[in-house]
PDB file of all heavy atoms in Angstrom:
ATOM      1  N   VAL A   1     284.672  88.897 132.257  1.00  0.00           N
ATOM      2  CA  VAL A   1     284.296  90.303 132.143  1.00  0.00           C
ATOM      3  C   VAL A   1     284.143  90.847 133.555  1.00  0.00           C
ATOM      4  O   VAL A   1     283.355  90.307 134.354  1.00  0.00           O
ATOM      5  CB  VAL A   1     282.992  90.475 131.345  1.00  0.00           C
ATOM      6  CG1 VAL A   1     282.629  91.953 131.229  1.00  0.00           C
ATOM      7  CG2 VAL A   1     283.124  89.846 129.959  1.00  0.00           C
ATOM      8  N   ILE A   2     284.888  91.906 133.864  1.00  0.00           N
ATOM      9  CA  ILE A   2     284.939  92.425 135.231  1.00  0.00           C
ATOM     10  C   ILE A   2     284.371  93.842 135.265  1.00  0.00           C
ATOM     11  O   ILE A   2     284.807  94.710 134.506  1.00  0.00           O
ATOM     12  CB  ILE A   2     286.395  92.427 135.741  1.00  0.00           C
ATOM     13  CG1 ILE A   2     286.935  90.997 135.759  1.00  0.00           C
ATOM     14  CG2 ILE A   2     286.495  93.067 137.124  1.00  0.00           C
ATOM     15  CD1 ILE A   2     288.437  90.914 135.813  1.00  0.00           C
ATOM     16  N   ASP A   3     283.409  94.050 136.141  1.00  0.00           N
ATOM     17  CA  ASP A   3     282.832  95.371 136.368  1.00  0.00           C
ATOM     18  C   ASP A   3     283.194  95.783 137.795  1.00  0.00           C
ATOM     19  O   ASP A   3     282.480  95.442 138.751  1.00  0.00           O
ATOM     20  CB  ASP A   3     281.312  95.332 136.195  1.00  0.00           C
ATOM     21  CG  ASP A   3     280.664  96.710 136.300  1.00  0.00           C
ATOM     22  OD1 ASP A   3     281.298  97.615 136.877  1.00  0.00           O
ATOM     23  OD2 ASP A   3     279.522  96.870 135.825  1.00  0.00           O
ATOM     24  N   PRO A   4     284.313  96.510 137.964  1.00  0.00           N
ATOM     25  CA  PRO A   4     284.757  96.843 139.327  1.00  0.00           C
ATOM     26  C   PRO A   4     283.811  97.791 140.051  1.00  0.00           C
ATOM     27  O   PRO A   4     283.725  97.754 141.289  1.00  0.00           O
ATOM     28  CB  PRO A   4     286.132  97.478 139.097  1.00  0.00           C
ATOM     29  CG  PRO A   4     286.107  97.978 137.694  1.00  0.00           C
ATOM     30  CD  PRO A   4     285.239  97.022 136.937  1.00  0.00           C
ATOM     31  N   ASP A   5     283.098  98.629 139.323  1.00  0.00           N
ATOM     32  CA  ASP A   5     282.181  99.569 139.978  1.00  0.00           C
ATOM     33  C   ASP A   5     281.022  98.840 140.650  1.00  0.00           C
ATOM     34  O   ASP A   5     280.536  99.258 141.709  1.00  0.00           O
ATOM     35  CB  ASP A   5     281.652 100.580 138.960  1.00  0.00           C
ATOM     36  CG  ASP A   5     282.739 101.504 138.428  1.00  0.00           C
ATOM     37  OD1 ASP A   5     283.749 101.699 139.146  1.00  0.00           O
ATOM     38  OD2 ASP A   5     282.584 102.026 137.307  1.00  0.00           O
ATOM     39  N   ARG A   6     280.568  97.764 140.032  1.00  0.00           N
ATOM     40  CA  ARG A   6     279.450  96.990 140.581  1.00  0.00           C
ATOM     41  C   ARG A   6     279.923  95.745 141.336  1.00  0.00           C
ATOM     42  O   ARG A   6     279.109  94.982 141.839  1.00  0.00           O
ATOM     43  CB  ARG A   6     278.500  96.598 139.447  1.00  0.00           C
ATOM     44  CG  ARG A   6     277.884  97.799 138.735  1.00  0.00           C
ATOM     45  CD  ARG A   6     277.164  97.384 137.458  1.00  0.00           C
ATOM     46  NE  ARG A   6     276.052  96.487 137.728  1.00  0.00           N
ATOM     47  CZ  ARG A   6     275.456  95.745 136.801  1.00  0.00           C
ATOM     48  NH1 ARG A   6     275.869  95.797 135.542  1.00  0.00           N
ATOM     49  NH2 ARG A   6     274.455  94.956 137.131  1.00  0.00           N
ATOM     50  N   HIS A   7     281.236  95.541 141.351  1.00  0.00           N
ATOM     51  CA  HIS A   7     281.839  94.410 142.069  1.00  0.00           C
ATOM     52  C   HIS A   7     281.291  93.070 141.575  1.00  0.00           C
ATOM     53  O   HIS A   7     280.969  92.185 142.367  1.00  0.00           O
ATOM     54  CB  HIS A   7     281.623  94.545 143.586  1.00  0.00           C
ATOM     55  CG  HIS A   7     282.138  95.836 144.149  1.00  0.00           C
ATOM     56  ND1 HIS A   7     283.482  96.112 144.298  1.00  0.00           N
ATOM     57  CD2 HIS A   7     281.489  96.957 144.570  1.00  0.00           C
ATOM     58  CE1 HIS A   7     283.647  97.319 144.798  1.00  0.00           C
ATOM     59  NE2 HIS A   7     282.455  97.868 144.963  1.00  0.00           N
ATOM     60  N   ILE A   8     281.192  92.945 140.235  1.00  0.00           N
ATOM     61  CA  ILE A   8     280.701  91.699 139.658  1.00  0.00           C
ATOM     62  C   ILE A   8     281.627  91.231 138.539  1.00  0.00           C
ATOM     63  O   ILE A   8     282.421  92.005 137.994  1.00  0.00           O
ATOM     64  CB  ILE A   8     279.265  91.844 139.107  1.00  0.00           C
ATOM     65  CG1 ILE A   8     279.219  92.885 137.983  1.00  0.00           C
ATOM     66  CG2 ILE A   8     278.282  92.185 140.215  1.00  0.00           C
ATOM     67  CD1 ILE A   8     277.861  92.982 137.307  1.00  0.00           C
ATOM     68  N   LYS A   9     281.503  89.942 138.221  1.00  0.00           N
ATOM     69  CA  LYS A   9     282.242  89.370 137.103  1.00  0.00           C
ATOM     70  C   LYS A   9     281.367  88.358 136.402  1.00  0.00           C
ATOM     71  O   LYS A   9     280.449  87.770 137.006  1.00  0.00           O
ATOM     72  CB  LYS A   9     283.535  88.699 137.580  1.00  0.00           C
ATOM     73  CG  LYS A   9     283.309  87.473 138.460  1.00  0.00           C
ATOM     74  CD  LYS A   9     284.628  86.831 138.884  1.00  0.00           C
ATOM     75  CE  LYS A   9     284.383  85.607 139.790  1.00  0.00           C
ATOM     76  NZ  LYS A   9     285.659  84.979 140.216  1.00  0.00           N
ATOM     77  N   THR A  10     281.632  88.150 135.108  1.00  0.00           N
ATOM     78  CA  THR A  10     280.948  87.135 134.323  1.00  0.00           C
ATOM     79  C   THR A  10     282.013  86.312 133.620  1.00  0.00           C
ATOM     80  O   THR A  10     282.924  86.866 133.000  1.00  0.00           O
ATOM     81  CB  THR A  10     280.003  87.769 133.287  1.00  0.00           C
ATOM     82  OG1 THR A  10     279.004  88.536 133.977  1.00  0.00           O
ATOM     83  CG2 THR A  10     279.328  86.702 132.440  1.00  0.00           C
ATOM     84  N   VAL A  11     281.925  84.991 133.731  1.00  0.00           N
ATOM     85  CA  VAL A  11     282.925  84.100 133.147  1.00  0.00           C
ATOM     86  C   VAL A  11     282.275  83.282 132.045  1.00  0.00           C
ATOM     87  O   VAL A  11     281.234  82.648 132.246  1.00  0.00           O
ATOM     88  CB  VAL A  11     283.529  83.166 134.217  1.00  0.00           C
ATOM     89  CG1 VAL A  11     284.627  82.292 133.602  1.00  0.00           C
ATOM     90  CG2 VAL A  11     284.085  83.978 135.386  1.00  0.00           C
ATOM     91  N   VAL A  12     282.896  83.297 130.855  1.00  0.00           N
ATOM     92  CA  VAL A  12     282.404  82.540 129.706  1.00  0.00           C
ATOM     93  C   VAL A  12     283.589  81.825 129.066  1.00  0.00           C
ATOM     94  O   VAL A  12     284.749  82.158 129.328  1.00  0.00           O
ATOM     95  CB  VAL A  12     281.718  83.462 128.672  1.00  0.00           C
ATOM     96  CG1 VAL A  12     280.492  84.132 129.272  1.00  0.00           C
ATOM     97  CG2 VAL A  12     282.696  84.502 128.140  1.00  0.00           C
ATOM     98  N   PRO A  13     283.341  80.826 128.209  1.00  0.00           N
ATOM     99  CA  PRO A  13     284.451  80.166 127.517  1.00  0.00           C
ATOM    100  C   PRO A  13     285.199  81.151 126.624  1.00  0.00           C
ATOM    101  O   PRO A  13     284.590  81.994 125.967  1.00  0.00           O
ATOM    102  CB  PRO A  13     283.748  79.085 126.683  1.00  0.00           C
ATOM    103  CG  PRO A  13     282.452  78.838 127.396  1.00  0.00           C
ATOM    104  CD  PRO A  13     282.042  80.169 127.943  1.00  0.00           C
ATOM    105  N   ALA A  14     286.519  81.042 126.593  1.00  0.00           N
ATOM    106  CA  ALA A  14     287.329  81.935 125.770  1.00  0.00           C
ATOM    107  C   ALA A  14     287.243  81.531 124.306  1.00  0.00           C
ATOM    108  O   ALA A  14     287.366  80.350 123.983  1.00  0.00           O
ATOM    109  CB  ALA A  14     288.781  81.895 126.229  1.00  0.00           C
ATOM    110  N   PRO A  15     287.006  82.486 123.407  1.00  0.00           N
ATOM    111  CA  PRO A  15     286.946  82.146 121.983  1.00  0.00           C
ATOM    112  C   PRO A  15     288.309  81.729 121.458  1.00  0.00           C
ATOM    113  O   PRO A  15     289.317  82.376 121.713  1.00  0.00           O
ATOM    114  CB  PRO A  15     286.475  83.459 121.330  1.00  0.00           C
ATOM    115  CG  PRO A  15     286.926  84.524 122.279  1.00  0.00           C
ATOM    116  CD  PRO A  15     286.819  83.919 123.657  1.00  0.00           C
ATOM    117  N   GLY A  16     288.342  80.614 120.728  1.00  0.00           N
ATOM    118  CA  GLY A  16     289.583  80.184 120.102  1.00  0.00           C
ATOM    119  C   GLY A  16     290.660  79.735 121.060  1.00  0.00           C
ATOM    120  O   GLY A  16     291.830  79.626 120.686  1.00  0.00           O
ATOM    121  N   ALA A  17     290.298  79.415 122.307  1.00  0.00           N
ATOM    122  CA  ALA A  17     291.314  79.144 123.326  1.00  0.00           C
ATOM    123  C   ALA A  17     292.138  77.899 123.026  1.00  0.00           C
ATOM    124  O   ALA A  17     293.302  77.816 123.404  1.00  0.00           O
ATOM    125  CB  ALA A  17     290.655  79.008 124.700  1.00  0.00           C
ATOM    126  N   ALA A  18     291.543  76.938 122.346  1.00  0.00           N
ATOM    127  CA  ALA A  18     292.237  75.664 122.137  1.00  0.00           C
ATOM    128  C   ALA A  18     293.429  75.785 121.196  1.00  0.00           C
ATOM    129  O   ALA A  18     294.286  74.910 121.162  1.00  0.00           O
ATOM    130  CB  ALA A  18     291.256  74.630 121.587  1.00  0.00           C
ATOM    131  N   SER A  19     293.495  76.870 120.425  1.00  0.00           N
ATOM    132  CA  SER A  19     294.512  76.935 119.381  1.00  0.00           C
ATOM    133  C   SER A  19     295.432  78.137 119.486  1.00  0.00           C
ATOM    134  O   SER A  19     296.134  78.460 118.541  1.00  0.00           O
ATOM    135  CB  SER A  19     293.823  76.940 118.007  1.00  0.00           C
ATOM    136  OG  SER A  19     292.911  78.009 117.932  1.00  0.00           O
ATOM    137  N   VAL A  20     295.440  78.816 120.615  1.00  0.00           N
ATOM    138  CA  VAL A  20     296.309  79.976 120.775  1.00  0.00           C
ATOM    139  C   VAL A  20     297.696  79.481 121.162  1.00  0.00           C
ATOM    140  O   VAL A  20     297.946  79.103 122.295  1.00  0.00           O
ATOM    141  CB  VAL A  20     295.754  80.945 121.829  1.00  0.00           C
ATOM    142  CG1 VAL A  20     296.729  82.092 122.069  1.00  0.00           C
ATOM    143  CG2 VAL A  20     294.419  81.496 121.371  1.00  0.00           C
ATOM    144  N   ASP A  21     298.579  79.467 120.201  1.00  0.00           N
ATOM    145  CA  ASP A  21     299.957  78.999 120.409  1.00  0.00           C
ATOM    146  C   ASP A  21     300.877  79.970 119.690  1.00  0.00           C
ATOM    147  O   ASP A  21     300.897  80.016 118.452  1.00  0.00           O
ATOM    148  CB  ASP A  21     300.105  77.589 119.844  1.00  0.00           C
ATOM    149  CG  ASP A  21     301.508  77.025 120.047  1.00  0.00           C
ATOM    150  OD1 ASP A  21     302.414  77.785 120.451  1.00  0.00           O
ATOM    151  OD2 ASP A  21     301.703  75.820 119.805  1.00  0.00           O
ATOM    152  N   PRO A  22     301.657  80.769 120.433  1.00  0.00           N
ATOM    153  CA  PRO A  22     302.510  81.775 119.779  1.00  0.00           C
ATOM    154  C   PRO A  22     303.525  81.190 118.806  1.00  0.00           C
ATOM    155  O   PRO A  22     303.999  81.891 117.916  1.00  0.00           O
ATOM    156  CB  PRO A  22     303.224  82.449 120.965  1.00  0.00           C
ATOM    157  CG  PRO A  22     302.330  82.209 122.133  1.00  0.00           C
ATOM    158  CD  PRO A  22     301.722  80.856 121.896  1.00  0.00           C
ATOM    159  N   SER A  23     303.846  79.912 118.960  1.00  0.00           N
ATOM    160  CA  SER A  23     304.865  79.313 118.091  1.00  0.00           C
ATOM    161  C   SER A  23     304.302  78.826 116.766  1.00  0.00           C
ATOM    162  O   SER A  23     305.061  78.449 115.869  1.00  0.00           O
ATOM    163  CB  SER A  23     305.539  78.139 118.816  1.00  0.00           C
ATOM    164  OG  SER A  23     304.630  77.055 118.998  1.00  0.00           O
ATOM    165  N   ARG A  24     302.972  78.831 116.625  1.00  0.00           N
ATOM    166  CA  ARG A  24     302.342  78.323 115.404  1.00  0.00           C
ATOM    167  C   ARG A  24     301.817  79.460 114.534  1.00  0.00           C
ATOM    168  O   ARG A  24     301.212  80.408 115.025  1.00  0.00           O
ATOM    169  CB  ARG A  24     301.160  77.400 115.741  1.00  0.00           C
ATOM    170  CG  ARG A  24     301.531  76.099 116.390  1.00  0.00           C
ATOM    171  CD  ARG A  24     300.288  75.270 116.641  1.00  0.00           C
ATOM    172  NE  ARG A  24     299.541  75.015 115.413  1.00  0.00           N
ATOM    173  CZ  ARG A  24     298.299  74.518 115.385  1.00  0.00           C
ATOM    174  NH1 ARG A  24     297.667  74.268 116.523  1.00  0.00           N
ATOM    175  NH2 ARG A  24     297.698  74.301 114.245  1.00  0.00           N
ATOM    176  N   ARG A  25     302.047  79.322 113.246  1.00  0.00           N
ATOM    177  CA  ARG A  25     301.388  80.223 112.304  1.00  0.00           C
ATOM    178  C   ARG A  25     299.955  79.753 112.100  1.00  0.00           C
ATOM    179  O   ARG A  25     299.625  78.587 112.316  1.00  0.00           O
ATOM    180  CB  ARG A  25     302.129  80.240 110.966  1.00  0.00           C
ATOM    181  CG  ARG A  25     303.496  80.917 111.030  1.00  0.00           C
ATOM    182  CD  ARG A  25     304.173  80.904 109.673  1.00  0.00           C
ATOM    183  NE  ARG A  25     305.491  81.525 109.728  1.00  0.00           N
ATOM    184  CZ  ARG A  25     305.729  82.806 109.500  1.00  0.00           C
ATOM    185  NH1 ARG A  25     304.718  83.603 109.194  1.00  0.00           N
ATOM    186  NH2 ARG A  25     306.946  83.294 109.568  1.00  0.00           N
ATOM    187  N   ALA A  26     299.099  80.683 111.684  1.00  0.00           N
ATOM    188  CA  ALA A  26     297.703  80.335 111.422  1.00  0.00           C
ATOM    189  C   ALA A  26     297.619  79.416 110.221  1.00  0.00           C
ATOM    190  O   ALA A  26     298.375  79.549 109.254  1.00  0.00           O
ATOM    191  CB  ALA A  26     296.884  81.596 111.167  1.00  0.00           C
ATOM    192  N   GLU A  27     296.694  78.472 110.301  1.00  0.00           N
ATOM    193  CA  GLU A  27     296.400  77.625 109.156  1.00  0.00           C
ATOM    194  C   GLU A  27     295.112  78.117 108.509  1.00  0.00           C
ATOM    195  O   GLU A  27     294.514  79.088 108.954  1.00  0.00           O
ATOM    196  CB  GLU A  27     296.319  76.160 109.597  1.00  0.00           C
ATOM    197  CG  GLU A  27     297.648  75.657 110.153  1.00  0.00           C
ATOM    198  CD  GLU A  27     297.588  74.231 110.661  1.00  0.00           C
ATOM    199  OE1 GLU A  27     296.487  73.648 110.657  1.00  0.00           O
ATOM    200  OE2 GLU A  27     298.639  73.709 111.076  1.00  0.00           O
ATOM    201  N   GLY A  28     294.691  77.458 107.451  1.00  0.00           N
ATOM    202  CA  GLY A  28     293.516  77.937 106.750  1.00  0.00           C
ATOM    203  C   GLY A  28     293.916  78.748 105.534  1.00  0.00           C
ATOM    204  O   GLY A  28     295.027  78.628 105.014  1.00  0.00           O
ATOM    205  N   THR A  29     293.023  79.596 105.066  1.00  0.00           N
ATOM    206  CA  THR A  29     293.235  80.345 103.825  1.00  0.00           C
ATOM    207  C   THR A  29     293.642  81.774 104.120  1.00  0.00           C
ATOM    208  O   THR A  29     292.870  82.548 104.689  1.00  0.00           O
ATOM    209  CB  THR A  29     291.953  80.347 102.968  1.00  0.00           C
ATOM    210  OG1 THR A  29     291.561  78.996 102.701  1.00  0.00           O
ATOM    211  CG2 THR A  29     292.195  81.075 101.649  1.00  0.00           C
ATOM    212  N   TRP A  30     294.873  82.111 103.753  1.00  0.00           N
ATOM    213  CA  TRP A  30     295.410  83.460 103.922  1.00  0.00           C
ATOM    214  C   TRP A  30     296.098  83.875 102.632  1.00  0.00           C
ATOM    215  O   TRP A  30     296.725  83.055 101.972  1.00  0.00           O
ATOM    216  CB  TRP A  30     296.430  83.502 105.059  1.00  0.00           C
ATOM    217  CG  TRP A  30     295.866  83.199 106.409  1.00  0.00           C
ATOM    218  CD1 TRP A  30     295.613  81.966 106.947  1.00  0.00           C
ATOM    219  CD2 TRP A  30     295.480  84.154 107.408  1.00  0.00           C
ATOM    220  NE1 TRP A  30     295.097  82.081 108.218  1.00  0.00           N
ATOM    221  CE2 TRP A  30     295.015  83.413 108.527  1.00  0.00           C
ATOM    222  CE3 TRP A  30     295.499  85.552 107.459  1.00  0.00           C
ATOM    223  CZ2 TRP A  30     294.562  84.034 109.679  1.00  0.00           C
ATOM    224  CZ3 TRP A  30     295.057  86.161 108.616  1.00  0.00           C
ATOM    225  CH2 TRP A  30     294.581  85.410 109.717  1.00  0.00           C
ATOM    226  N   LEU A  31     295.987  85.137 102.296  1.00  0.00           N
ATOM    227  CA  LEU A  31     296.636  85.662 101.097  1.00  0.00           C
ATOM    228  C   LEU A  31     297.419  86.910 101.477  1.00  0.00           C
ATOM    229  O   LEU A  31     296.846  87.897 101.939  1.00  0.00           O
ATOM    230  CB  LEU A  31     295.600  86.003 100.022  1.00  0.00           C
ATOM    231  CG  LEU A  31     296.146  86.657  98.736  1.00  0.00           C
ATOM    232  CD1 LEU A  31     297.065  85.683  97.998  1.00  0.00           C
ATOM    233  CD2 LEU A  31     294.999  87.106  97.841  1.00  0.00           C
ATOM    234  N   ARG A  32     298.730  86.855 101.276  1.00  0.00           N
ATOM    235  CA  ARG A  32     299.559  88.018 101.556  1.00  0.00           C
ATOM    236  C   ARG A  32     299.304  89.065 100.475  1.00  0.00           C
ATOM    237  O   ARG A  32     299.439  88.786  99.270  1.00  0.00           O
ATOM    238  CB  ARG A  32     301.039  87.615 101.554  1.00  0.00           C
ATOM    239  CG  ARG A  32     301.990  88.708 102.016  1.00  0.00           C
ATOM    240  CD  ARG A  32     303.414  88.350 101.612  1.00  0.00           C
ATOM    241  NE  ARG A  32     303.830  87.072 102.139  1.00  0.00           N
ATOM    242  CZ  ARG A  32     304.563  86.903 103.240  1.00  0.00           C
ATOM    243  NH1 ARG A  32     304.970  87.960 103.916  1.00  0.00           N
ATOM    244  NH2 ARG A  32     304.903  85.689 103.639  1.00  0.00           N
ATOM    245  N   THR A  33     298.918  90.275 100.877  1.00  0.00           N
ATOM    246  CA  THR A  33     298.558  91.303  99.891  1.00  0.00           C
ATOM    247  C   THR A  33     299.496  92.504  99.888  1.00  0.00           C
ATOM    248  O   THR A  33     299.333  93.401  99.067  1.00  0.00           O
ATOM    249  CB  THR A  33     297.118  91.801 100.144  1.00  0.00           C
ATOM    250  OG1 THR A  33     297.016  92.333 101.472  1.00  0.00           O
ATOM    251  CG2 THR A  33     296.116  90.668  99.966  1.00  0.00           C
ATOM    252  N   GLY A  34     300.465  92.540 100.782  1.00  0.00           N
ATOM    253  CA  GLY A  34     301.383  93.677 100.786  1.00  0.00           C
ATOM    254  C   GLY A  34     301.877  93.973 102.179  1.00  0.00           C
ATOM    255  O   GLY A  34     301.841  93.121 103.073  1.00  0.00           O
TER     256      GLY A  34
END
């Protein structure tokens, strides 16, 4: 998170970072509705 006006940043672990792969479809429970 970057605040350029205050010249500060905060670094935290990225949510879901371990599984972000553009070549993979999501697993789990999904229902196509239209």
